[in-house]
Full PDB file with SEQRES, HELIX, SHEET, SSBOND, CRYST1, ORIGX, SCALE, CONECT and MASTER records, all heavy atoms in Angstrom:
SEQRES   1 A   36  HIS GLU GLY ILE GLY THR LEU LEU HIS ALA GLY GLU GLU          
SEQRES   2 A   36  LEU ILE ARG ARG GLY VAL PRO LEU ARG LEU LEU ILE VAL          
SEQRES   3 A   36  GLY ASP GLY PRO GLU ARG ALA GLY LEU GLU                      
HELIX    1 AA1 ILE A    4  ARG A   16  1                                  13    
HELIX    2 AA2 ARG A   32  LEU A   35  1                                   4    
CRYST1    1.000    1.000    1.000  90.00  90.00  90.00 P 1           1          
ORIGX1      1.000000  0.000000  0.000000        0.00000                         
ORIGX2      0.000000  1.000000  0.000000        0.00000                         
ORIGX3      0.000000  0.000000  1.000000        0.00000                         
SCALE1      1.000000  0.000000  0.000000        0.00000                         
SCALE2      0.000000  1.000000  0.000000        0.00000                         
SCALE3      0.000000  0.000000  1.000000        0.00000                         
ATOM      1  N   HIS A   1     -81.130  -9.469  22.703  1.00  0.00           N  
ATOM      2  CA  HIS A   1     -82.516  -9.803  22.411  1.00  0.00           C  
ATOM      3  C   HIS A   1     -83.053  -9.170  21.195  1.00  0.00           C  
ATOM      4  O   HIS A   1     -84.161  -9.688  20.597  1.00  0.00           O  
ATOM      5  CB  HIS A   1     -83.530  -9.511  23.523  1.00  0.00           C  
ATOM      6  CG  HIS A   1     -83.655  -8.143  23.767  1.00  0.00           C  
ATOM      7  ND1 HIS A   1     -82.959  -7.400  24.632  1.00  0.00           N  
ATOM      8  CD2 HIS A   1     -84.587  -7.224  23.248  1.00  0.00           C  
ATOM      9  CE1 HIS A   1     -83.325  -6.097  24.684  1.00  0.00           C  
ATOM     10  NE2 HIS A   1     -84.375  -6.031  23.863  1.00  0.00           N  
ATOM     11  N   GLU A   2     -82.322  -8.319  20.564  1.00  0.00           N  
ATOM     12  CA  GLU A   2     -82.725  -7.690  19.176  1.00  0.00           C  
ATOM     13  C   GLU A   2     -82.560  -8.760  18.050  1.00  0.00           C  
ATOM     14  O   GLU A   2     -83.102  -8.684  16.990  1.00  0.00           O  
ATOM     15  CB  GLU A   2     -81.980  -6.569  18.857  1.00  0.00           C  
ATOM     16  CG  GLU A   2     -82.289  -5.307  19.807  1.00  0.00           C  
ATOM     17  CD  GLU A   2     -83.729  -4.900  19.740  1.00  0.00           C  
ATOM     18  OE1 GLU A   2     -84.526  -5.352  18.762  1.00  0.00           O  
ATOM     19  OE2 GLU A   2     -84.150  -4.167  20.631  1.00  0.00           O  
ATOM     20  N   GLY A   3     -81.659  -9.811  18.186  1.00  0.00           N  
ATOM     21  CA  GLY A   3     -81.645 -11.010  17.288  1.00  0.00           C  
ATOM     22  C   GLY A   3     -80.956 -10.636  15.986  1.00  0.00           C  
ATOM     23  O   GLY A   3     -81.351 -11.274  14.910  1.00  0.00           O  
ATOM     24  N   ILE A   4     -80.151  -9.623  15.987  1.00  0.00           N  
ATOM     25  CA  ILE A   4     -79.411  -9.313  14.667  1.00  0.00           C  
ATOM     26  C   ILE A   4     -78.633 -10.438  13.960  1.00  0.00           C  
ATOM     27  O   ILE A   4     -78.510 -10.552  12.831  1.00  0.00           O  
ATOM     28  CB  ILE A   4     -78.640  -8.005  14.842  1.00  0.00           C  
ATOM     29  CG1 ILE A   4     -79.397  -6.927  15.419  1.00  0.00           C  
ATOM     30  CG2 ILE A   4     -77.989  -7.529  13.566  1.00  0.00           C  
ATOM     31  CD1 ILE A   4     -80.634  -6.426  14.723  1.00  0.00           C  
ATOM     32  N   GLY A   5     -78.036 -11.262  14.923  1.00  0.00           N  
ATOM     33  CA  GLY A   5     -77.333 -12.487  14.357  1.00  0.00           C  
ATOM     34  C   GLY A   5     -78.313 -13.352  13.448  1.00  0.00           C  
ATOM     35  O   GLY A   5     -77.889 -13.684  12.394  1.00  0.00           O  
ATOM     36  N   THR A   6     -79.621 -13.464  13.825  1.00  0.00           N  
ATOM     37  CA  THR A   6     -80.489 -14.101  12.813  1.00  0.00           C  
ATOM     38  C   THR A   6     -80.596 -13.432  11.520  1.00  0.00           C  
ATOM     39  O   THR A   6     -80.586 -14.196  10.387  1.00  0.00           O  
ATOM     40  CB  THR A   6     -81.848 -14.224  13.497  1.00  0.00           C  
ATOM     41  OG1 THR A   6     -81.906 -14.881  14.647  1.00  0.00           O  
ATOM     42  CG2 THR A   6     -82.872 -14.883  12.589  1.00  0.00           C  
ATOM     43  N   LEU A   7     -80.593 -12.180  11.480  1.00  0.00           N  
ATOM     44  CA  LEU A   7     -80.675 -11.451  10.312  1.00  0.00           C  
ATOM     45  C   LEU A   7     -79.285 -11.547   9.389  1.00  0.00           C  
ATOM     46  O   LEU A   7     -79.387 -11.845   8.157  1.00  0.00           O  
ATOM     47  CB  LEU A   7     -80.910  -9.964  10.430  1.00  0.00           C  
ATOM     48  CG  LEU A   7     -81.073  -9.073   9.228  1.00  0.00           C  
ATOM     49  CD1 LEU A   7     -82.127  -9.465   8.382  1.00  0.00           C  
ATOM     50  CD2 LEU A   7     -81.120  -7.594   9.698  1.00  0.00           C  
ATOM     51  N   LEU A   8     -78.211 -11.645  10.121  1.00  0.00           N  
ATOM     52  CA  LEU A   8     -76.942 -11.784   9.384  1.00  0.00           C  
ATOM     53  C   LEU A   8     -76.816 -13.243   8.717  1.00  0.00           C  
ATOM     54  O   LEU A   8     -76.524 -13.450   7.601  1.00  0.00           O  
ATOM     55  CB  LEU A   8     -75.782 -11.634  10.326  1.00  0.00           C  
ATOM     56  CG  LEU A   8     -75.610 -10.165  10.989  1.00  0.00           C  
ATOM     57  CD1 LEU A   8     -74.378 -10.251  11.849  1.00  0.00           C  
ATOM     58  CD2 LEU A   8     -75.282  -9.284   9.717  1.00  0.00           C  
ATOM     59  N   HIS A   9     -77.292 -14.249   9.582  1.00  0.00           N  
ATOM     60  CA  HIS A   9     -77.263 -15.639   8.965  1.00  0.00           C  
ATOM     61  C   HIS A   9     -78.271 -15.680   7.886  1.00  0.00           C  
ATOM     62  O   HIS A   9     -77.886 -16.443   6.918  1.00  0.00           O  
ATOM     63  CB  HIS A   9     -77.713 -16.710  10.106  1.00  0.00           C  
ATOM     64  CG  HIS A   9     -76.616 -16.999  10.941  1.00  0.00           C  
ATOM     65  ND1 HIS A   9     -75.550 -17.995  10.672  1.00  0.00           N  
ATOM     66  CD2 HIS A   9     -76.303 -16.575  12.220  1.00  0.00           C  
ATOM     67  CE1 HIS A   9     -74.691 -17.973  11.602  1.00  0.00           C  
ATOM     68  NE2 HIS A   9     -75.118 -17.170  12.700  1.00  0.00           N  
ATOM     69  N   ALA A  10     -79.491 -15.178   7.895  1.00  0.00           N  
ATOM     70  CA  ALA A  10     -80.409 -15.072   6.830  1.00  0.00           C  
ATOM     71  C   ALA A  10     -79.842 -14.386   5.532  1.00  0.00           C  
ATOM     72  O   ALA A  10     -79.965 -14.850   4.503  1.00  0.00           O  
ATOM     73  CB  ALA A  10     -81.744 -14.452   7.234  1.00  0.00           C  
ATOM     74  N   GLY A  11     -79.015 -13.296   5.867  1.00  0.00           N  
ATOM     75  CA  GLY A  11     -78.379 -12.608   4.747  1.00  0.00           C  
ATOM     76  C   GLY A  11     -77.416 -13.442   4.071  1.00  0.00           C  
ATOM     77  O   GLY A  11     -77.240 -13.433   2.760  1.00  0.00           O  
ATOM     78  N   GLU A  12     -76.636 -14.220   4.855  1.00  0.00           N  
ATOM     79  CA  GLU A  12     -75.635 -15.168   4.184  1.00  0.00           C  
ATOM     80  C   GLU A  12     -76.343 -16.059   3.333  1.00  0.00           C  
ATOM     81  O   GLU A  12     -75.828 -16.304   2.165  1.00  0.00           O  
ATOM     82  CB  GLU A  12     -74.850 -15.910   5.304  1.00  0.00           C  
ATOM     83  CG  GLU A  12     -73.984 -16.989   4.776  1.00  0.00           C  
ATOM     84  CD  GLU A  12     -73.504 -18.038   5.754  1.00  0.00           C  
ATOM     85  OE1 GLU A  12     -74.394 -18.352   6.560  1.00  0.00           O  
ATOM     86  OE2 GLU A  12     -72.514 -18.628   5.612  1.00  0.00           O  
ATOM     87  N   GLU A  13     -77.516 -16.766   3.654  1.00  0.00           N  
ATOM     88  CA  GLU A  13     -78.253 -17.550   2.851  1.00  0.00           C  
ATOM     89  C   GLU A  13     -78.737 -17.003   1.517  1.00  0.00           C  
ATOM     90  O   GLU A  13     -78.691 -17.544   0.499  1.00  0.00           O  
ATOM     91  CB  GLU A  13     -79.367 -18.194   3.686  1.00  0.00           C  
ATOM     92  CG  GLU A  13     -80.327 -19.044   2.835  1.00  0.00           C  
ATOM     93  CD  GLU A  13     -79.781 -20.346   2.243  1.00  0.00           C  
ATOM     94  OE1 GLU A  13     -78.623 -20.699   2.792  1.00  0.00           O  
ATOM     95  OE2 GLU A  13     -80.188 -20.951   1.312  1.00  0.00           O  
ATOM     96  N   LEU A  14     -79.212 -15.717   1.782  1.00  0.00           N  
ATOM     97  CA  LEU A  14     -79.830 -14.997   0.570  1.00  0.00           C  
ATOM     98  C   LEU A  14     -78.673 -14.686  -0.515  1.00  0.00           C  
ATOM     99  O   LEU A  14     -78.913 -14.821  -1.663  1.00  0.00           O  
ATOM    100  CB  LEU A  14     -80.393 -13.766   1.047  1.00  0.00           C  
ATOM    101  CG  LEU A  14     -81.817 -13.989   1.679  1.00  0.00           C  
ATOM    102  CD1 LEU A  14     -82.291 -12.752   2.329  1.00  0.00           C  
ATOM    103  CD2 LEU A  14     -82.871 -14.509   0.831  1.00  0.00           C  
ATOM    104  N   ILE A  15     -77.500 -14.309  -0.073  1.00  0.00           N  
ATOM    105  CA  ILE A  15     -76.426 -14.108  -0.871  1.00  0.00           C  
ATOM    106  C   ILE A  15     -75.908 -15.297  -1.544  1.00  0.00           C  
ATOM    107  O   ILE A  15     -75.680 -15.452  -2.839  1.00  0.00           O  
ATOM    108  CB  ILE A  15     -75.320 -13.578  -0.108  1.00  0.00           C  
ATOM    109  CG1 ILE A  15     -75.457 -12.046   0.411  1.00  0.00           C  
ATOM    110  CG2 ILE A  15     -73.962 -13.550  -0.986  1.00  0.00           C  
ATOM    111  CD1 ILE A  15     -75.634 -11.037  -0.562  1.00  0.00           C  
ATOM    112  N   ARG A  16     -75.979 -16.456  -0.761  1.00  0.00           N  
ATOM    113  CA  ARG A  16     -75.710 -17.834  -1.495  1.00  0.00           C  
ATOM    114  C   ARG A  16     -76.731 -18.079  -2.543  1.00  0.00           C  
ATOM    115  O   ARG A  16     -76.256 -18.768  -3.549  1.00  0.00           O  
ATOM    116  CB  ARG A  16     -75.755 -18.895  -0.422  1.00  0.00           C  
ATOM    117  CG  ARG A  16     -75.207 -20.289  -0.821  1.00  0.00           C  
ATOM    118  CD  ARG A  16     -75.513 -21.256   0.224  1.00  0.00           C  
ATOM    119  NE  ARG A  16     -76.924 -21.544   0.419  1.00  0.00           N  
ATOM    120  CZ  ARG A  16     -77.675 -22.267  -0.515  1.00  0.00           C  
ATOM    121  NH1 ARG A  16     -77.097 -22.740  -1.651  1.00  0.00           N  
ATOM    122  NH2 ARG A  16     -78.956 -22.425  -0.242  1.00  0.00           N  
ATOM    123  N   ARG A  17     -78.009 -17.621  -2.356  1.00  0.00           N  
ATOM    124  CA  ARG A  17     -78.850 -18.002  -3.412  1.00  0.00           C  
ATOM    125  C   ARG A  17     -78.903 -16.965  -4.621  1.00  0.00           C  
ATOM    126  O   ARG A  17     -79.600 -17.017  -5.553  1.00  0.00           O  
ATOM    127  CB  ARG A  17     -80.296 -17.881  -2.735  1.00  0.00           C  
ATOM    128  CG  ARG A  17     -80.689 -18.793  -1.757  1.00  0.00           C  
ATOM    129  CD  ARG A  17     -81.979 -18.715  -1.097  1.00  0.00           C  
ATOM    130  NE  ARG A  17     -82.360 -19.440   0.031  1.00  0.00           N  
ATOM    131  CZ  ARG A  17     -83.390 -19.497   0.734  1.00  0.00           C  
ATOM    132  NH1 ARG A  17     -84.324 -18.733   0.324  1.00  0.00           N  
ATOM    133  NH2 ARG A  17     -83.577 -20.283   1.727  1.00  0.00           N  
ATOM    134  N   GLY A  18     -78.005 -15.933  -4.489  1.00  0.00           N  
ATOM    135  CA  GLY A  18     -77.840 -15.090  -5.609  1.00  0.00           C  
ATOM    136  C   GLY A  18     -78.729 -13.778  -5.540  1.00  0.00           C  
ATOM    137  O   GLY A  18     -78.726 -13.044  -6.466  1.00  0.00           O  
ATOM    138  N   VAL A  19     -79.249 -13.599  -4.349  1.00  0.00           N  
ATOM    139  CA  VAL A  19     -80.063 -12.380  -4.193  1.00  0.00           C  
ATOM    140  C   VAL A  19     -79.135 -11.129  -4.044  1.00  0.00           C  
ATOM    141  O   VAL A  19     -78.177 -11.213  -3.249  1.00  0.00           O  
ATOM    142  CB  VAL A  19     -80.908 -12.507  -2.986  1.00  0.00           C  
ATOM    143  CG1 VAL A  19     -81.739 -11.256  -2.680  1.00  0.00           C  
ATOM    144  CG2 VAL A  19     -82.024 -13.703  -3.125  1.00  0.00           C  
ATOM    145  N   PRO A  20     -79.412 -10.079  -4.829  1.00  0.00           N  
ATOM    146  CA  PRO A  20     -78.407  -8.871  -4.643  1.00  0.00           C  
ATOM    147  C   PRO A  20     -78.832  -8.076  -3.379  1.00  0.00           C  
ATOM    148  O   PRO A  20     -79.579  -7.167  -3.531  1.00  0.00           O  
ATOM    149  CB  PRO A  20     -78.699  -8.149  -5.984  1.00  0.00           C  
ATOM    150  CG  PRO A  20     -80.089  -8.584  -6.291  1.00  0.00           C  
ATOM    151  CD  PRO A  20     -80.346  -9.982  -5.960  1.00  0.00           C  
ATOM    152  N   LEU A  21     -78.343  -8.365  -2.263  1.00  0.00           N  
ATOM    153  CA  LEU A  21     -78.711  -7.929  -1.034  1.00  0.00           C  
ATOM    154  C   LEU A  21     -77.648  -7.063  -0.314  1.00  0.00           C  
ATOM    155  O   LEU A  21     -76.502  -7.371  -0.415  1.00  0.00           O  
ATOM    156  CB  LEU A  21     -79.090  -9.200  -0.134  1.00  0.00           C  
ATOM    157  CG  LEU A  21     -79.415  -8.795   1.277  1.00  0.00           C  
ATOM    158  CD1 LEU A  21     -80.992  -8.201   1.233  1.00  0.00           C  
ATOM    159  CD2 LEU A  21     -79.562 -10.190   2.127  1.00  0.00           C  
ATOM    160  N   ARG A  22     -78.240  -6.013   0.365  1.00  0.00           N  
ATOM    161  CA  ARG A  22     -77.340  -5.299   1.209  1.00  0.00           C  
ATOM    162  C   ARG A  22     -78.053  -5.295   2.563  1.00  0.00           C  
ATOM    163  O   ARG A  22     -79.295  -5.202   2.553  1.00  0.00           O  
ATOM    164  CB  ARG A  22     -77.123  -3.852   0.769  1.00  0.00           C  
ATOM    165  CG  ARG A  22     -76.471  -3.781  -0.604  1.00  0.00           C  
ATOM    166  CD  ARG A  22     -75.105  -4.340  -0.694  1.00  0.00           C  
ATOM    167  NE  ARG A  22     -74.236  -3.635   0.126  1.00  0.00           N  
ATOM    168  CZ  ARG A  22     -73.622  -2.576  -0.348  1.00  0.00           C  
ATOM    169  NH1 ARG A  22     -73.795  -2.070  -1.702  1.00  0.00           N  
ATOM    170  NH2 ARG A  22     -72.640  -1.793   0.346  1.00  0.00           N  
ATOM    171  N   LEU A  23     -77.352  -5.412   3.707  1.00  0.00           N  
ATOM    172  CA  LEU A  23     -77.887  -5.395   5.010  1.00  0.00           C  
ATOM    173  C   LEU A  23     -77.450  -4.116   5.626  1.00  0.00           C  
ATOM    174  O   LEU A  23     -76.248  -3.749   5.672  1.00  0.00           O  
ATOM    175  CB  LEU A  23     -77.477  -6.558   5.894  1.00  0.00           C  
ATOM    176  CG  LEU A  23     -77.968  -7.814   5.434  1.00  0.00           C  
ATOM    177  CD1 LEU A  23     -77.337  -8.958   6.353  1.00  0.00           C  
ATOM    178  CD2 LEU A  23     -79.391  -8.011   5.426  1.00  0.00           C  
ATOM    179  N   LEU A  24     -78.324  -3.166   6.143  1.00  0.00           N  
ATOM    180  CA  LEU A  24     -78.050  -1.960   6.686  1.00  0.00           C  
ATOM    181  C   LEU A  24     -78.409  -1.925   8.203  1.00  0.00           C  
ATOM    182  O   LEU A  24     -79.565  -2.133   8.589  1.00  0.00           O  
ATOM    183  CB  LEU A  24     -78.865  -0.798   5.995  1.00  0.00           C  
ATOM    184  CG  LEU A  24     -78.588   0.606   6.379  1.00  0.00           C  
ATOM    185  CD1 LEU A  24     -77.107   0.938   6.139  1.00  0.00           C  
ATOM    186  CD2 LEU A  24     -79.483   1.586   5.731  1.00  0.00           C  
ATOM    187  N   ILE A  25     -77.412  -1.958   9.030  1.00  0.00           N  
ATOM    188  CA  ILE A  25     -77.593  -2.137  10.523  1.00  0.00           C  
ATOM    189  C   ILE A  25     -77.204  -0.790  11.165  1.00  0.00           C  
ATOM    190  O   ILE A  25     -76.055  -0.342  11.208  1.00  0.00           O  
ATOM    191  CB  ILE A  25     -76.627  -3.192  11.217  1.00  0.00           C  
ATOM    192  CG1 ILE A  25     -76.638  -4.510  10.356  1.00  0.00           C  
ATOM    193  CG2 ILE A  25     -77.004  -3.373  12.649  1.00  0.00           C  
ATOM    194  CD1 ILE A  25     -77.968  -5.089  10.118  1.00  0.00           C  
ATOM    195  N   VAL A  26     -78.340  -0.023  11.641  1.00  0.00           N  
ATOM    196  CA  VAL A  26     -78.039   1.259  12.134  1.00  0.00           C  
ATOM    197  C   VAL A  26     -78.285   1.229  13.701  1.00  0.00           C  
ATOM    198  O   VAL A  26     -79.320   0.771  14.156  1.00  0.00           O  
ATOM    199  CB  VAL A  26     -79.191   2.239  11.535  1.00  0.00           C  
ATOM    200  CG1 VAL A  26     -78.967   3.692  11.988  1.00  0.00           C  
ATOM    201  CG2 VAL A  26     -79.074   2.109  10.060  1.00  0.00           C  
ATOM    202  N   GLY A  27     -77.352   1.716  14.366  1.00  0.00           N  
ATOM    203  CA  GLY A  27     -77.298   1.829  15.776  1.00  0.00           C  
ATOM    204  C   GLY A  27     -76.028   1.385  16.416  1.00  0.00           C  
ATOM    205  O   GLY A  27     -75.012   0.832  15.677  1.00  0.00           O  
ATOM    206  N   ASP A  28     -76.056   1.252  17.739  1.00  0.00           N  
ATOM    207  CA  ASP A  28     -74.718   0.821  18.432  1.00  0.00           C  
ATOM    208  C   ASP A  28     -75.213   0.111  19.733  1.00  0.00           C  
ATOM    209  O   ASP A  28     -76.531   0.147  20.026  1.00  0.00           O  
ATOM    210  CB  ASP A  28     -73.977   2.093  18.753  1.00  0.00           C  
ATOM    211  CG  ASP A  28     -72.471   1.735  18.963  1.00  0.00           C  
ATOM    212  OD1 ASP A  28     -72.152   0.496  19.028  1.00  0.00           O  
ATOM    213  OD2 ASP A  28     -71.709   2.691  18.824  1.00  0.00           O  
ATOM    214  N   GLY A  29     -74.399  -0.454  20.399  1.00  0.00           N  
ATOM    215  CA  GLY A  29     -74.665  -1.141  21.643  1.00  0.00           C  
ATOM    216  C   GLY A  29     -73.655  -2.313  21.948  1.00  0.00           C  
ATOM    217  O   GLY A  29     -72.622  -2.453  21.206  1.00  0.00           O  
ATOM    218  N   PRO A  30     -73.833  -2.986  22.887  1.00  0.00           N  
ATOM    219  CA  PRO A  30     -72.887  -3.995  23.508  1.00  0.00           C  
ATOM    220  C   PRO A  30     -72.532  -5.161  22.432  1.00  0.00           C  
ATOM    221  O   PRO A  30     -71.499  -5.776  22.526  1.00  0.00           O  
ATOM    222  CB  PRO A  30     -73.350  -4.513  24.772  1.00  0.00           C  
ATOM    223  CG  PRO A  30     -74.875  -4.250  24.732  1.00  0.00           C  
ATOM    224  CD  PRO A  30     -74.987  -2.949  23.931  1.00  0.00           C  
ATOM    225  N   GLU A  31     -73.413  -5.390  21.516  1.00  0.00           N  
ATOM    226  CA  GLU A  31     -73.292  -6.515  20.569  1.00  0.00           C  
ATOM    227  C   GLU A  31     -72.692  -6.143  19.325  1.00  0.00           C  
ATOM    228  O   GLU A  31     -72.349  -7.019  18.469  1.00  0.00           O  
ATOM    229  CB  GLU A  31     -74.692  -7.103  20.265  1.00  0.00           C  
ATOM    230  CG  GLU A  31     -75.365  -7.885  21.402  1.00  0.00           C  
ATOM    231  CD  GLU A  31     -74.721  -9.217  21.652  1.00  0.00           C  
ATOM    232  OE1 GLU A  31     -74.940 -10.168  20.807  1.00  0.00           O  
ATOM    233  OE2 GLU A  31     -74.060  -9.372  22.671  1.00  0.00           O  
ATOM    234  N   ARG A  32     -72.427  -4.863  19.131  1.00  0.00           N  
ATOM    235  CA  ARG A  32     -71.917  -4.415  17.820  1.00  0.00           C  
ATOM    236  C   ARG A  32     -70.535  -5.230  17.399  1.00  0.00           C  
ATOM    237  O   ARG A  32     -70.487  -5.647  16.342  1.00  0.00           O  
ATOM    238  CB  ARG A  32     -71.630  -2.922  17.720  1.00  0.00           C  
ATOM    239  CG  ARG A  32     -71.218  -2.446  16.432  1.00  0.00           C  
ATOM    240  CD  ARG A  32     -71.031  -0.951  16.301  1.00  0.00           C  
ATOM    241  NE  ARG A  32     -70.523  -0.546  14.991  1.00  0.00           N  
ATOM    242  CZ  ARG A  32     -70.219   0.720  14.548  1.00  0.00           C  
ATOM    243  NH1 ARG A  32     -70.463   1.665  15.511  1.00  0.00           N  
ATOM    244  NH2 ARG A  32     -69.621   1.029  13.507  1.00  0.00           N  
ATOM    245  N   ALA A  33     -69.550  -5.138  18.301  1.00  0.00           N  
ATOM    246  CA  ALA A  33     -68.243  -5.826  17.906  1.00  0.00           C  
ATOM    247  C   ALA A  33     -68.587  -7.192  17.483  1.00  0.00           C  
ATOM    248  O   ALA A  33     -67.894  -7.765  16.537  1.00  0.00           O  
ATOM    249  CB  ALA A  33     -67.298  -5.655  18.972  1.00  0.00           C  
ATOM    250  N   GLY A  34     -69.258  -7.982  18.361  1.00  0.00           N  
ATOM    251  CA  GLY A  34     -69.540  -9.346  18.078  1.00  0.00           C  
ATOM    252  C   GLY A  34     -70.281  -9.527  16.825  1.00  0.00           C  
ATOM    253  O   GLY A  34     -70.030 -10.592  16.124  1.00  0.00           O  
ATOM    254  N   LEU A  35     -71.128  -8.769  16.530  1.00  0.00           N  
ATOM    255  CA  LEU A  35     -71.932  -8.836  15.207  1.00  0.00           C  
ATOM    256  C   LEU A  35     -71.122  -8.607  14.067  1.00  0.00           C  
ATOM    257  O   LEU A  35     -71.318  -9.183  13.029  1.00  0.00           O  
ATOM    258  CB  LEU A  35     -73.142  -7.844  15.283  1.00  0.00           C  
ATOM    259  CG  LEU A  35     -74.243  -8.243  16.262  1.00  0.00           C  
ATOM    260  CD1 LEU A  35     -75.263  -7.149  16.459  1.00  0.00           C  
ATOM    261  CD2 LEU A  35     -75.113  -9.581  15.803  1.00  0.00           C  
ATOM    262  N   GLU A  36     -70.215  -7.591  14.132  1.00  0.00           N  
ATOM    263  CA  GLU A  36     -69.255  -7.333  13.082  1.00  0.00           C  
ATOM    264  C   GLU A  36     -68.357  -8.478  12.831  1.00  0.00           C  
ATOM    265  O   GLU A  36     -68.027  -8.849  11.605  1.00  0.00           O  
ATOM    266  CB  GLU A  36     -68.491  -6.129  13.327  1.00  0.00           C  
ATOM    267  CG  GLU A  36     -69.374  -4.869  13.177  1.00  0.00           C  
ATOM    268  CD  GLU A  36     -68.560  -3.535  13.556  1.00  0.00           C  
ATOM    269  OE1 GLU A  36     -67.640  -3.644  14.322  1.00  0.00           O  
ATOM    270  OE2 GLU A  36     -68.909  -2.517  13.061  1.00  0.00           O  
TER     271      GLU A  36                                                      
MASTER        0    0    0    2    0    0    0    6  270    1    0    3          
END                                                                             
């Protein structure tokens, strides 16, 4: 329910637009492997 996948998909779009972006995901949990 933290919705980190939404942030990753948004990051992909921003990179495609040429935005010099880094995403910093701090923490652990059951979704980590799937998010990576």
